[in-house]
Amino acid sequence: METRTTPNVPVDTAPSSGLQTALAWLYVGVPLLWGVSQTFIKALALFN
């Protein structure tokens, strides 16, 4: 039977810290929430 390996995965990578993960989510989440809120506000104007 053939053993499968995952190619191109570095062995010496350290897991990210909780702070890095939180900052990454904020980097993506804040503009996303702003865009969704602006879309909601503008959609409400259509129904007035």
C-alpha atoms as a PDB file:
ATOM      1  CA  MET A   1       0.000   0.000   0.000  1.00  0.00           C
ATOM      2  CA  GLU A   2       1.204   3.509  -0.815  1.00  0.00           C
ATOM      3  CA  THR A   3       1.869   6.034   1.956  1.00  0.00           C
ATOM      4  CA  ARG A   4       0.494   9.483   1.164  1.00  0.00           C
ATOM      5  CA  THR A   5       2.306  12.615   2.263  1.00  0.00           C
ATOM      6  CA  THR A   6       1.280  16.246   2.091  1.00  0.00           C
ATOM      7  CA  PRO A   7       3.622  18.074  -0.293  1.00  0.00           C
ATOM      8  CA  ASN A   8       5.057  21.538   0.332  1.00  0.00           C
ATOM      9  CA  VAL A   9       4.205  21.681   4.039  1.00  0.00           C
ATOM     10  CA  PRO A  10       7.115  23.115   6.004  1.00  0.00           C
ATOM     11  CA  VAL A  11       7.958  21.067   9.061  1.00  0.00           C
ATOM     12  CA  ASP A  12       9.418  23.887  11.153  1.00  0.00           C
ATOM     13  CA  THR A  13       6.409  26.245  11.179  1.00  0.00           C
ATOM     14  CA  ALA A  14       5.224  27.274  14.619  1.00  0.00           C
ATOM     15  CA  PRO A  15       1.519  27.574  15.352  1.00  0.00           C
ATOM     16  CA  SER A  16       0.179  31.113  15.430  1.00  0.00           C
ATOM     17  CA  SER A  17      -0.481  32.738  18.762  1.00  0.00           C
ATOM     18  CA  GLY A  18      -3.931  33.731  19.955  1.00  0.00           C
ATOM     19  CA  LEU A  19      -3.017  37.390  19.549  1.00  0.00           C
ATOM     20  CA  GLN A  20      -2.059  36.900  15.903  1.00  0.00           C
ATOM     21  CA  THR A  21      -5.308  35.078  15.264  1.00  0.00           C
ATOM     22  CA  ALA A  22      -7.361  37.812  16.952  1.00  0.00           C
ATOM     23  CA  LEU A  23      -5.578  40.540  14.982  1.00  0.00           C
ATOM     24  CA  ALA A  24      -6.159  38.668  11.724  1.00  0.00           C
ATOM     25  CA  TRP A  25      -9.881  38.334  12.501  1.00  0.00           C
ATOM     26  CA  LEU A  26     -10.076  42.043  13.347  1.00  0.00           C
ATOM     27  CA  TYR A  27      -8.253  42.938  10.132  1.00  0.00           C
ATOM     28  CA  VAL A  28     -10.908  41.087   8.143  1.00  0.00           C
ATOM     29  CA  GLY A  29     -13.914  41.481  10.423  1.00  0.00           C
ATOM     30  CA  VAL A  30     -13.995  45.240  10.966  1.00  0.00           C
ATOM     31  CA  PRO A  31     -14.215  46.191   7.257  1.00  0.00           C
ATOM     32  CA  LEU A  32     -16.658  43.329   6.709  1.00  0.00           C
ATOM     33  CA  LEU A  33     -18.974  44.538   9.479  1.00  0.00           C
ATOM     34  CA  TRP A  34     -18.731  48.111   8.216  1.00  0.00           C
ATOM     35  CA  GLY A  35     -19.685  47.017   4.704  1.00  0.00           C
ATOM     36  CA  VAL A  36     -22.603  44.910   5.904  1.00  0.00           C
ATOM     37  CA  SER A  37     -23.906  47.747   8.083  1.00  0.00           C
ATOM     38  CA  GLN A  38     -23.676  50.245   5.218  1.00  0.00           C
ATOM     39  CA  THR A  39     -25.504  47.840   2.920  1.00  0.00           C
ATOM     40  CA  PHE A  40     -28.238  47.378   5.530  1.00  0.00           C
ATOM     41  CA  ILE A  41     -28.620  51.143   6.024  1.00  0.00           C
ATOM     42  CA  LYS A  42     -28.882  51.767   2.280  1.00  0.00           C
ATOM     43  CA  ALA A  43     -31.333  48.885   1.863  1.00  0.00           C
ATOM     44  CA  LEU A  44     -33.564  50.385   4.550  1.00  0.00           C
ATOM     45  CA  ALA A  45     -33.731  53.592   2.535  1.00  0.00           C
ATOM     46  CA  LEU A  46     -35.283  51.650  -0.337  1.00  0.00           C
ATOM     47  CA  PHE A  47     -38.239  50.606   1.814  1.00  0.00           C
ATOM     48  CA  ASN A  48     -39.073  54.073   3.201  1.00  0.00           C
END
